[in-house]
Protein backbone atom coordinates (compact mmCIF):
# COMPACT_ATOMS: atom_id res chain seq x y z
CA MET A 1 55.55 62.59 137.80
CA ASN A 2 55.39 65.30 135.15
CA CYS A 3 57.98 67.29 137.11
CA PHE A 4 60.24 64.24 137.31
CA SER A 5 59.79 63.58 133.55
CA GLY A 6 60.69 67.20 132.84
CA MET A 7 63.86 66.91 134.89
CA ILE A 8 64.81 63.72 133.01
CA GLY A 9 64.13 65.45 129.71
CA ARG A 10 66.33 68.41 130.60
CA LEU A 11 69.05 66.03 131.84
CA TRP A 12 69.03 64.20 128.50
CA GLN A 13 69.24 67.53 126.69
CA ILE A 14 72.36 68.42 128.68
CA ILE A 15 73.89 64.98 128.05
CA LEU A 16 73.10 65.24 124.35
CA VAL A 17 74.81 68.65 124.15
CA PHE A 18 77.98 67.24 125.74
CA LEU A 19 77.88 64.27 123.40
CA LEU A 20 77.55 66.47 120.34
CA ILE A 21 80.25 69.02 121.30
CA PRO A 22 83.21 66.71 120.49
CA LEU A 23 81.62 65.73 117.19
CA PHE A 24 81.04 69.37 116.35
CA LEU A 25 84.58 70.34 117.29
CA SER A 26 86.06 67.42 115.38
CA GLY A 27 84.10 68.53 112.36
CA GLN A 28 85.43 72.04 112.81
CA LYS A 29 88.99 70.65 113.01
CA THR A 30 88.56 69.03 109.65
CA TYR A 31 88.06 72.42 108.07
CA ALA A 32 90.49 74.39 110.25
CA GLN A 33 93.32 71.85 110.28
CA PRO A 34 96.60 73.51 109.24
CA GLN A 35 97.96 72.34 105.92
CA VAL A 36 101.48 71.18 106.67
CA VAL A 37 104.14 68.78 105.54
CA GLY A 38 105.42 66.24 108.02
CA PHE A 39 108.49 64.05 107.60
CA HIS A 40 108.56 60.59 109.14
CA ASP A 41 111.56 58.26 109.23
CA VAL A 42 110.22 55.05 107.71
CA ALA A 43 113.55 53.36 106.91
CA ARG A 44 112.93 50.36 109.13
CA GLU A 45 109.39 49.63 107.98
CA ALA A 46 110.37 50.20 104.35
CA GLY A 47 113.17 47.62 104.57
CA LEU A 48 116.01 50.14 104.20
CA ASP A 49 118.22 48.40 106.74
CA PHE A 50 121.50 49.99 105.64
CA MET A 51 124.19 50.43 108.32
CA TYR A 52 127.18 52.61 107.49
CA THR A 53 130.66 51.54 108.58
CA PHE A 54 133.80 53.65 108.60
CA GLY A 55 135.98 50.59 109.06
CA ASP A 56 136.11 50.28 112.84
CA TYR A 57 134.60 51.70 116.03
CA THR A 58 136.85 54.76 116.44
CA TYR A 59 136.83 58.06 114.59
CA GLU A 60 140.43 58.98 113.94
CA ASN A 61 141.23 59.95 110.34
CA ILE A 62 139.96 62.01 107.42
CA LEU A 63 138.83 58.96 105.44
CA GLU A 64 136.54 57.92 108.28
CA SER A 65 135.32 61.51 108.61
CA SER A 66 134.33 61.96 104.97
CA GLY A 67 131.46 59.47 104.79
CA SER A 68 129.92 58.05 101.62
CA GLY A 69 127.05 58.91 99.34
CA ILE A 70 123.67 57.81 98.02
CA THR A 71 122.59 57.40 94.41
CA ILE A 72 118.98 57.40 93.24
CA LEU A 73 118.27 55.53 90.01
CA ASP A 74 115.73 53.27 88.34
CA TYR A 75 118.07 50.41 87.52
CA ASN A 76 115.39 47.98 86.32
CA GLY A 77 113.26 50.46 84.38
CA ASP A 78 110.00 49.84 86.22
CA GLY A 79 109.25 53.50 86.98
CA TRP A 80 110.05 53.25 90.70
CA MET A 81 113.23 54.81 92.07
CA ASP A 82 115.79 52.49 93.63
CA ILE A 83 118.47 53.46 96.18
CA TYR A 84 122.18 52.59 95.98
CA MET A 85 123.83 53.08 99.39
CA LEU A 86 127.62 53.27 99.48
CA ASN A 87 129.74 51.99 102.35
CA GLY A 88 133.14 52.18 103.97
CA ILE A 89 135.20 49.10 104.84
CA TRP A 90 138.01 47.92 107.13
CA LEU A 91 141.39 48.66 105.55
CA GLU A 92 144.77 47.26 106.56
CA GLY A 93 147.01 49.99 107.98
CA ILE A 94 144.17 52.51 108.26
CA SER A 95 141.47 50.92 110.41
CA ASP A 96 141.88 49.64 113.98
CA PRO A 97 142.36 45.85 114.33
CA ALA A 98 139.11 45.56 116.28
CA GLY A 99 137.23 46.65 113.17
CA LYS A 100 138.34 43.68 111.08
CA ILE A 101 134.80 42.31 111.22
CA PHE A 102 134.01 45.07 108.68
CA ALA A 103 136.63 43.79 106.20
CA ASN A 104 134.04 42.52 103.74
CA THR A 105 131.38 45.23 104.05
CA PRO A 106 129.48 45.65 100.75
CA ASN A 107 127.56 48.46 99.14
CA ARG A 108 123.80 47.89 99.17
CA LEU A 109 121.27 48.26 96.35
CA TYR A 110 117.64 48.59 97.42
CA ARG A 111 115.12 47.71 94.72
CA ASN A 112 111.86 49.60 95.05
CA ASN A 113 108.92 47.17 95.28
CA GLY A 114 106.39 49.86 94.37
CA ASP A 115 104.43 49.41 97.60
CA GLY A 116 106.49 51.57 99.96
CA THR A 117 109.05 48.85 100.66
CA PHE A 118 112.46 47.85 99.29
CA THR A 119 114.34 44.60 98.72
CA GLU A 120 118.14 44.53 99.00
CA THR A 121 119.63 43.15 95.74
CA ALA A 122 123.29 44.28 95.54
CA ALA A 123 124.82 40.78 95.39
CA MET A 124 122.16 39.55 92.98
CA ALA A 125 122.73 42.56 90.73
CA GLY A 126 126.52 42.31 90.97
CA VAL A 127 127.11 45.77 92.49
CA ASP A 128 128.14 44.74 96.03
CA ASP A 129 131.59 46.32 95.70
CA ARG A 130 134.04 45.71 98.57
CA HIS A 131 136.23 48.81 98.31
CA TRP A 132 135.76 52.04 100.28
CA SER A 133 133.10 53.63 98.07
CA MET A 134 132.49 57.37 98.01
CA ALA A 135 130.03 58.19 95.21
CA ALA A 136 128.28 56.61 92.23
CA GLY A 137 127.16 58.45 89.10
CA ALA A 138 124.18 56.94 87.30
CA ILE A 139 123.65 57.46 83.57
CA ASP A 140 122.87 55.51 80.40
CA TYR A 141 126.33 56.05 78.93
CA ASP A 142 125.82 53.86 75.84
CA ASN A 143 122.25 54.97 75.05
CA ASP A 144 120.83 51.44 75.14
CA GLY A 145 117.85 52.34 77.32
CA ASP A 146 119.08 51.28 80.77
CA THR A 147 121.04 53.03 83.50
CA ASP A 148 124.72 52.27 84.11
CA ILE A 149 126.73 53.11 87.24
CA TYR A 150 130.19 54.64 87.61
CA LEU A 151 131.39 53.86 91.14
CA LEU A 152 134.05 56.19 92.59
CA ASN A 153 136.25 54.68 95.31
CA TYR A 154 139.17 55.21 97.61
CA GLY A 155 141.08 52.75 95.47
CA PRO A 156 140.17 51.39 92.03
CA ASN A 157 137.02 52.76 90.42
CA VAL A 158 134.37 50.48 88.93
CA PHE A 159 132.14 50.99 85.90
CA TYR A 160 129.02 48.83 86.01
CA GLU A 161 127.37 48.31 82.65
CA ASN A 162 123.68 47.48 82.97
CA ASN A 163 122.96 44.14 81.30
CA GLY A 164 119.27 44.94 80.97
CA ASP A 165 118.19 41.98 83.10
CA GLY A 166 118.67 43.43 86.58
CA THR A 167 122.40 42.64 86.67
CA PHE A 168 125.59 44.59 85.96
CA THR A 169 129.09 43.84 84.61
CA ASP A 170 132.24 45.77 85.54
CA ILE A 171 133.81 47.13 82.31
CA ALA A 172 136.06 49.84 83.81
CA ASP A 173 139.24 48.32 82.37
CA ARG A 174 137.73 48.06 78.90
CA LEU A 175 136.66 51.71 79.01
CA GLY A 176 139.85 53.03 80.58
CA LEU A 177 138.03 54.33 83.66
CA ARG A 178 139.63 52.34 86.47
CA GLY A 179 141.90 55.24 87.40
CA GLU A 180 145.55 55.27 88.39
CA PRO A 181 146.41 53.20 91.49
CA GLU A 182 148.11 56.25 93.01
CA LEU A 183 148.06 60.02 92.55
CA ASN A 184 150.79 62.18 94.08
CA GLY A 185 152.31 59.12 95.75
CA PHE A 186 149.24 57.82 97.60
CA THR A 187 146.12 55.78 96.90
CA LYS A 188 143.79 57.50 94.41
CA TRP A 189 140.82 58.91 96.26
CA SER A 190 137.89 59.61 93.93
CA VAL A 191 134.86 61.40 95.37
CA GLY A 192 132.53 62.05 92.45
CA VAL A 193 131.88 62.29 88.74
CA ALA A 194 130.21 64.88 86.51
CA PHE A 195 128.81 63.78 83.15
CA TRP A 196 128.55 66.02 80.10
CA ASP A 197 129.61 66.43 76.48
CA PHE A 198 132.25 69.11 76.98
CA ASN A 199 133.35 69.33 73.31
CA GLU A 200 129.90 68.81 71.71
CA ASP A 201 130.91 65.76 69.63
CA ASN A 202 127.78 63.85 70.72
CA ARG A 203 129.81 61.52 72.95
CA LEU A 204 129.52 61.45 76.72
CA ASP A 205 132.56 62.71 78.65
CA MET A 206 133.14 62.75 82.38
CA MET A 207 135.11 64.64 85.01
CA VAL A 208 136.28 62.53 87.95
CA GLY A 209 136.80 64.49 91.14
CA ASN A 210 139.72 63.36 93.31
CA PHE A 211 140.30 64.52 96.87
CA LEU A 212 143.72 64.37 98.54
CA ALA A 213 146.85 62.27 99.02
CA PHE A 214 145.95 60.55 102.28
CA ASP A 215 148.98 59.34 104.25
CA PRO A 216 147.57 57.09 107.02
CA SER A 217 150.80 57.28 109.03
CA TYR A 218 150.92 61.07 109.23
CA LYS A 219 150.29 62.68 112.62
CA SER A 220 149.84 66.41 113.08
CA ALA A 221 152.50 68.08 115.18
CA ALA A 222 150.05 70.83 116.10
CA THR A 223 147.20 68.57 117.21
CA PRO A 224 148.55 65.01 117.63
CA GLU A 225 145.45 63.95 119.56
CA MET A 226 143.17 64.76 116.60
CA MET A 227 143.09 63.87 112.94
CA PRO A 228 145.29 66.14 110.76
CA HIS A 229 143.68 69.08 109.01
CA PRO A 230 143.07 68.66 105.24
CA SER A 231 145.52 71.48 104.57
CA GLU A 232 148.33 69.29 105.92
CA TYR A 233 148.01 66.82 103.02
CA ALA A 234 148.98 67.18 99.39
CA GLY A 235 146.16 67.22 96.85
CA GLN A 236 145.21 64.99 93.95
CA PRO A 237 144.17 66.29 90.52
CA SER A 238 140.63 65.90 89.23
CA LEU A 239 140.70 64.34 85.76
CA LEU A 240 138.60 64.89 82.64
CA TYR A 241 138.03 61.78 80.53
CA GLN A 242 137.04 62.35 76.90
CA GLN A 243 135.18 59.57 75.11
CA MET A 244 136.92 58.43 71.94
CA PRO A 245 135.15 57.22 68.77
CA ASP A 246 135.75 53.58 69.81
CA GLY A 247 133.92 54.10 73.12
CA THR A 248 137.01 54.17 75.35
CA PHE A 249 138.01 57.15 77.47
CA LYS A 250 141.20 59.21 77.46
CA ASP A 251 142.55 61.59 80.11
CA VAL A 252 142.71 65.04 78.44
CA THR A 253 142.85 67.19 81.58
CA LYS A 254 146.15 68.91 80.85
CA SER A 255 145.38 69.71 77.23
CA ILE A 256 142.16 71.59 78.01
CA GLY A 257 143.38 73.72 80.93
CA MET A 258 141.82 71.91 83.91
CA TYR A 259 144.86 70.21 85.44
CA TYR A 260 145.50 71.32 89.03
CA PRO A 261 147.69 68.63 90.65
CA GLN A 262 147.32 69.96 94.21
CA SER A 263 143.58 70.54 94.21
CA LYS A 264 141.37 68.89 96.83
CA CYS A 265 138.00 68.35 95.21
CA MET A 266 134.94 67.47 97.28
CA GLY A 267 132.23 67.96 94.66
CA LEU A 268 131.59 68.68 90.98
CA THR A 269 128.60 70.49 89.49
CA VAL A 270 127.91 71.02 85.78
CA PHE A 271 125.73 73.94 84.63
CA ASP A 272 125.76 76.84 82.18
CA TYR A 273 126.45 79.55 84.76
CA GLU A 274 126.68 82.41 82.23
CA GLU A 275 123.93 81.14 79.89
CA ASP A 276 126.02 81.20 76.73
CA GLY A 277 124.87 77.80 75.50
CA ASP A 278 127.66 75.54 76.75
CA LEU A 279 128.23 73.76 80.04
CA ASP A 280 130.70 74.92 82.66
CA LEU A 281 131.99 73.15 85.77
CA PHE A 282 132.07 74.23 89.43
CA GLN A 283 134.50 72.36 91.70
CA GLY A 284 134.13 72.70 95.46
CA ASN A 285 137.56 72.42 97.13
CA ASP A 286 138.49 71.59 100.70
CA HIS A 287 140.30 74.51 102.37
CA GLN A 288 141.34 75.88 99.01
CA GLU A 289 139.65 78.41 96.79
CA ASN A 290 136.87 76.83 94.73
CA PHE A 291 137.21 76.49 90.97
CA LEU A 292 134.77 77.59 88.29
CA PHE A 293 135.87 76.31 84.90
CA ARG A 294 134.35 78.42 82.13
CA ASN A 295 133.83 76.56 78.88
CA ASP A 296 135.47 78.72 76.20
CA GLY A 297 133.75 76.80 73.40
CA ASN A 298 136.97 75.77 71.68
CA GLY A 299 137.71 72.61 73.62
CA ARG A 300 139.42 74.52 76.42
CA PHE A 301 138.42 75.90 79.83
CA THR A 302 139.47 78.93 81.90
CA GLU A 303 139.31 79.02 85.70
CA VAL A 304 137.24 82.10 86.68
CA ALA A 305 135.98 81.50 90.24
CA ARG A 306 137.41 84.75 91.62
CA ARG A 307 136.08 86.76 88.70
CA ALA A 308 132.64 85.19 89.12
CA GLY A 309 132.61 85.66 92.90
CA VAL A 310 132.42 82.00 94.00
CA ALA A 311 136.02 81.26 95.06
CA VAL A 312 135.69 82.07 98.78
CA ASN A 313 133.07 82.83 101.43
CA ASP A 314 131.75 86.23 102.45
CA LYS A 315 134.76 86.78 104.72
CA GLY A 316 137.13 86.19 101.81
CA ILE A 317 138.23 82.86 103.29
CA PRO A 318 138.59 79.51 101.50
CA THR A 319 136.65 77.00 103.61
CA GLY A 320 136.02 73.27 103.69
CA SER A 321 133.68 73.43 100.71
CA MET A 322 131.73 70.27 99.97
CA HIS A 323 129.60 70.63 96.87
CA GLY A 324 127.74 73.17 94.80
CA SER A 325 123.97 72.65 94.74
CA ILE A 326 122.26 74.64 91.99
CA GLY A 327 118.78 76.08 91.68
CA ASP A 328 116.82 79.29 91.23
CA ILE A 329 116.22 80.28 94.85
CA ASP A 330 114.60 83.68 94.24
CA GLY A 331 112.46 83.09 91.15
CA ASP A 332 114.40 85.33 88.77
CA GLY A 333 115.13 82.55 86.29
CA LEU A 334 118.89 82.43 87.00
CA PHE A 335 120.61 79.50 88.65
CA ASP A 336 122.11 80.25 92.05
CA LEU A 337 124.73 78.20 93.88
CA LEU A 338 124.61 76.85 97.44
CA VAL A 339 128.01 75.59 98.67
CA THR A 340 128.03 73.77 101.99
CA ASP A 341 131.12 73.89 104.18
CA LEU A 342 132.24 73.39 107.76
CA ARG A 343 131.71 77.03 108.82
CA TYR A 344 128.32 78.37 107.72
CA GLY A 345 128.20 77.76 103.99
CA ALA A 346 127.99 80.11 101.06
CA LEU A 347 124.87 81.04 99.12
CA TYR A 348 125.85 82.75 95.87
CA ARG A 349 123.06 84.59 94.07
CA ASN A 350 123.40 84.74 90.30
CA VAL A 351 123.01 88.37 89.23
CA GLY A 352 123.57 87.63 85.54
CA HIS A 353 126.42 88.08 83.08
CA GLY A 354 128.48 85.39 84.81
CA VAL A 355 128.63 87.14 88.20
CA PHE A 356 127.43 86.02 91.65
CA GLU A 357 126.90 87.91 94.89
CA ASP A 358 127.24 86.28 98.31
CA ILE A 359 123.93 86.53 100.19
CA THR A 360 124.66 83.94 102.88
CA GLY A 361 124.15 86.44 105.68
CA ARG A 362 121.06 88.28 104.57
CA SER A 363 119.31 85.12 103.33
CA GLY A 364 119.27 83.67 106.85
CA VAL A 365 121.38 80.67 105.82
CA ALA A 366 124.53 81.71 107.74
CA THR A 367 122.67 82.03 111.05
CA VAL A 368 121.09 78.59 110.81
CA PHE A 369 124.16 76.82 109.39
CA SER A 370 126.73 78.33 111.76
CA GLY A 371 128.49 75.73 113.91
CA LYS A 372 126.66 72.73 112.44
CA GLY A 373 129.20 71.47 109.87
CA GLU A 374 127.24 71.09 106.63
CA TRP A 375 127.94 68.23 104.18
CA GLY A 376 125.17 67.04 101.85
CA ALA A 377 122.67 69.77 100.97
CA ILE A 378 119.62 69.52 98.73
CA LEU A 379 117.78 72.35 97.01
CA PHE A 380 114.27 70.98 96.58
CA ASP A 381 110.63 72.05 96.89
CA PHE A 382 109.47 70.02 99.89
CA ASP A 383 106.05 71.67 100.20
CA ASN A 384 105.24 71.95 96.46
CA ASP A 385 104.67 75.70 96.67
CA GLY A 386 106.91 76.50 93.70
CA ASP A 387 110.13 77.62 95.40
CA LEU A 388 113.26 75.74 96.43
CA ASP A 389 113.88 74.89 100.07
CA ILE A 390 117.02 73.40 101.68
CA PHE A 391 117.78 70.15 103.46
CA SER A 392 121.24 69.93 105.04
CA ALA A 393 122.98 66.87 106.52
CA ASN A 394 125.32 67.99 109.29
CA GLY A 395 128.07 66.77 111.60
CA THR A 396 131.40 67.93 113.00
CA ALA A 397 134.40 66.89 110.91
CA GLU A 398 137.42 66.56 113.22
CA GLU A 399 135.53 64.90 116.07
CA LEU A 400 132.46 62.69 116.18
CA ILE A 401 130.16 65.37 117.55
CA LEU A 402 126.51 64.98 116.60
CA GLN A 403 124.50 67.87 115.17
CA PRO A 404 120.86 68.52 114.25
CA GLN A 405 119.94 67.98 110.62
CA LEU A 406 118.25 71.02 109.07
CA LEU A 407 115.22 71.83 106.93
CA LEU A 408 115.02 75.44 105.74
CA GLU A 409 111.89 76.88 104.15
CA ASN A 410 112.14 79.48 101.38
CA ASP A 411 109.81 82.48 101.44
CA GLY A 412 109.96 82.59 97.64
CA LEU A 413 112.45 85.46 97.55
CA GLY A 414 115.53 83.57 98.68
CA ASN A 415 115.13 84.11 102.43
CA PHE A 416 115.22 81.00 104.60
CA LYS A 417 114.07 79.96 108.07
CA ASP A 418 114.58 76.73 109.98
CA VAL A 419 111.31 74.77 110.16
CA GLY A 420 112.55 71.22 110.67
CA LYS A 421 111.69 70.82 114.34
CA ASP A 422 108.06 71.61 113.56
CA LEU A 423 107.89 69.02 110.80
CA GLY A 424 109.31 65.83 112.23
CA LYS A 425 110.96 64.11 115.16
CA TYR A 426 114.07 63.46 113.04
CA PHE A 427 114.97 67.14 113.06
CA SER A 428 114.99 67.26 116.87
CA GLU A 429 117.52 64.43 117.13
CA LYS A 430 121.28 64.82 116.73
CA ARG A 431 123.14 62.64 114.23
CA SER A 432 126.28 62.93 112.11
CA GLY A 433 124.98 63.16 108.55
CA ARG A 434 127.00 63.04 105.34
CA GLY A 435 125.41 61.95 102.05
CA ALA A 436 121.78 62.92 101.38
CA ALA A 437 119.55 62.63 98.33
CA ALA A 438 116.03 63.70 97.39
CA VAL A 439 113.71 61.06 95.94
CA ASP A 440 110.00 60.56 95.46
CA PHE A 441 110.24 56.89 96.41
CA ASP A 442 106.47 56.36 96.63
CA ASN A 443 105.62 58.33 93.45
CA ASP A 444 103.08 60.49 95.27
CA GLY A 445 104.45 63.79 93.98
CA ASP A 446 106.24 65.11 97.04
CA MET A 447 109.97 64.77 97.61
CA ASP A 448 111.28 62.45 100.29
CA VAL A 449 114.87 62.41 101.63
CA VAL A 450 117.41 59.63 102.21
CA VAL A 451 120.30 60.32 104.60
CA SER A 452 123.46 58.33 105.37
CA HIS A 453 124.96 58.82 108.83
CA ILE A 454 128.48 58.05 110.03
CA ASP A 455 127.76 58.07 113.77
CA LEU A 456 127.97 54.90 115.84
CA LYS A 457 124.22 54.41 115.55
CA ALA A 458 125.05 53.94 111.83
CA SER A 459 121.49 53.54 110.52
CA ALA A 460 120.25 55.41 107.45
CA SER A 461 117.04 57.44 107.45
CA LEU A 462 114.29 57.48 104.86
CA LEU A 463 112.26 60.61 105.54
CA ARG A 464 108.86 60.14 103.97
CA ASN A 465 107.21 63.42 103.10
CA ASP A 466 103.59 63.24 104.25
CA ASN A 467 102.29 66.22 102.32
CA ARG A 468 98.93 67.66 103.33
CA THR A 469 99.24 71.03 101.61
CA GLU A 470 97.03 70.05 98.63
CA ASN A 471 99.57 71.79 96.40
CA HIS A 472 99.97 70.39 92.91
CA TRP A 473 103.12 69.09 91.23
CA LEU A 474 104.66 67.79 88.03
CA GLY A 475 107.56 65.36 87.45
CA ILE A 476 109.49 65.33 84.17
CA SER A 477 112.03 63.03 82.54
CA LEU A 478 113.85 64.22 79.43
CA GLU A 479 114.98 62.22 76.40
CA GLY A 480 117.35 64.11 74.13
CA LYS A 481 117.69 63.29 70.44
CA ASN A 482 121.17 61.90 71.11
CA GLY A 483 120.24 60.06 74.30
CA PRO A 484 120.71 61.13 77.92
CA LEU A 485 123.86 63.15 77.23
CA SER A 486 121.96 65.66 75.09
CA ALA A 487 119.48 66.21 77.93
CA ILE A 488 122.14 67.05 80.55
CA GLY A 489 121.90 70.72 81.46
CA ALA A 490 118.61 71.30 79.64
CA LYS A 491 116.45 74.00 81.20
CA VAL A 492 112.74 73.39 81.85
CA ILE A 493 110.37 76.30 82.42
CA VAL A 494 106.80 76.13 83.71
CA HIS A 495 104.80 79.24 82.80
CA GLN A 496 102.02 79.77 85.30
CA ALA A 497 99.80 82.89 85.47
CA GLY A 498 102.60 85.31 84.66
CA LYS A 499 105.09 83.42 86.81
CA LYS A 500 107.99 81.27 85.65
CA ILE A 501 109.35 78.28 87.58
CA VAL A 502 112.74 77.22 86.24
CA ARG A 503 114.52 73.93 86.87
CA LEU A 504 117.67 72.29 85.48
CA ASN A 505 118.14 68.70 84.37
CA GLN A 506 121.09 67.89 86.66
CA PRO A 507 120.58 65.19 89.32
CA GLY A 508 124.25 65.17 90.47
CA ASN A 509 123.65 68.08 92.77
CA THR A 510 124.72 67.24 96.34
CA TYR A 511 127.73 65.98 98.32
CA LEU A 512 128.77 62.46 97.16
CA SER A 513 125.17 61.88 96.11
CA TYR A 514 122.78 61.94 93.15
CA ASN A 515 119.14 62.95 93.51
CA ASP A 516 116.06 61.53 91.85
CA PRO A 517 116.83 62.00 88.12
CA ARG A 518 113.32 63.25 87.41
CA ILE A 519 112.82 67.03 87.41
CA HIS A 520 110.32 68.00 90.09
CA PHE A 521 108.07 71.07 90.06
CA GLY A 522 105.85 72.22 92.89
CA LEU A 523 102.92 74.09 91.35
CA GLY A 524 101.08 75.59 94.32
CA LYS A 525 97.32 75.60 94.87
CA THR A 526 96.08 76.08 91.31
CA GLY A 527 98.28 73.58 89.53
CA HIS A 528 97.45 75.22 86.24
CA ILE A 529 100.21 75.24 83.61
CA ASP A 530 99.91 77.78 80.81
CA LEU A 531 102.97 76.55 78.96
CA LEU A 532 105.78 74.05 79.47
CA GLU A 533 109.02 74.93 77.75
CA VAL A 534 112.23 72.90 77.35
CA LEU A 535 115.43 74.67 76.28
CA TRP A 536 117.88 72.06 75.01
CA LEU A 537 121.63 72.64 74.93
CA ASP A 538 121.74 72.49 71.14
CA GLY A 539 119.59 75.63 70.99
CA THR A 540 116.29 73.95 70.10
CA HIS A 541 113.06 74.53 72.06
CA ASP A 542 110.03 72.42 72.82
CA ARG A 543 106.85 74.29 73.79
CA ILE A 544 103.96 72.21 75.13
CA GLN A 545 100.53 73.50 76.11
CA LYS A 546 97.70 71.96 78.11
CA VAL A 547 99.92 69.90 80.37
CA LYS A 548 97.97 68.21 83.15
CA PRO A 549 99.59 68.35 86.63
CA ASP A 550 99.99 65.72 89.37
CA ARG A 551 101.75 63.08 87.30
CA TYR A 552 105.09 62.00 85.89
CA ILE A 553 105.71 62.55 82.18
CA THR A 554 108.55 62.05 79.70
CA ILE A 555 109.36 64.71 77.10
CA VAL A 556 111.18 63.60 73.97
CA GLN A 557 113.18 66.28 72.18
CA GLY A 558 111.22 67.47 69.16
CA ASN A 559 108.27 65.13 69.83
CA GLY A 560 106.62 66.43 72.97
CA ILE A 561 105.16 64.22 75.68
CA LYS A 562 105.84 60.53 75.26
CA ASP A 563 102.74 58.34 75.50
């Protein structure tokens, strides 16, 4: 009996050990679990049911190939970022007859409910435009406290004034911003807008980027079975509109030295590339040399892209440039320039004194980008470690060939490696991406990504960033003394234990799309901020100490943090 009891006792000891092993190991996992960021496509569960149309079911011309963009804005002022998704539409003489069911396809405006979901409100808000929309710039142009929208179309442009009650009114004709019906003999094709006060008269001006003179009837003799190459079309000039004292806008492009009637703009980026206190303009061109318009400070500009080193790629070739995304990729305090294109892109490192060097090859970007066909690219800190990483939306241009979308991690020195496949199922799938924008839609401090696709699947993706790194962050909105226009191009510096993290107030920073307007800083493990500094374009500085991390704040010029 005692022997039998002993055997039972030992048996229970063995069973108890096996029962405790999983609990012990699970406890060990809690402490040893790798700290990673995972991206999950939550578009469907969040109510982002957007479906992109390029007018029909076939992929046959350059308009269908170009896609449309995404604009992030807080249109109702509730502190939660909303998403404006732009769409194509069936067009007589361009689209196939079978696509006529898409003749009334609207843009969609998704209001953020603040609980991880969205409600579609475009018709209710009055922004369900029925043209072929390309891009939409969001800014409070009249400084009345709410965000207005300038919609850029293939066809007439629209300027939506925010009524302050969740609705908008088109005032483009009143402002003089509708645009000419035709440029160089064909329908005006606007692809973007850059906002800034180019002549420092405290009135908002804007540069409208126009693409090319699209002739739908033209067939290429060289490749009649494929869509013609962009080089086979004439261009259309981008136009600078100066705001007059009465609030209307006047085309002054020729008088200031920026009129190039055959240019083929795909993207506009405003920043002070030479740090002389005024804002310059980079224009990415399709199969032409890029432009860099230096602000000479006397109401005129000089084109200096060759001199600055940003006209062509590292082989000396003009490529299908999309857009210039700006950011300090190596932590030296200077703003570098990432230009996506259909080859392998161009990463221009700012070496100071208005000069850039092409580091596309040695940075690792060329290897990863090669053969993918890059369109919308975002420089953003996805893991909150203090340096800027890259998201790229990809797809072949001339044919509807799907490609993987890319997420590149920065080592802090401007060297990049592809990490997407380890951080989400989305990056293992092949799609045809175009517009992409960064947004913290759930206000949790890490940057999520919205992507518009032009493939036949058509659905958009909302990539929620499920950050488990425990890194800290800070989000900043700026209010200049003369409204939003005086905050454009302001530089914000976080001083942290001898290190400086530099960001620029410029949300219009990706192909056809506009990112979250709040400036986002990843702060790493400590999260401590020694000093927060804002360098405004008028030469004034704000220096703020004892800033607490892990929150969104607003800084008012001359008055510090807004309560």
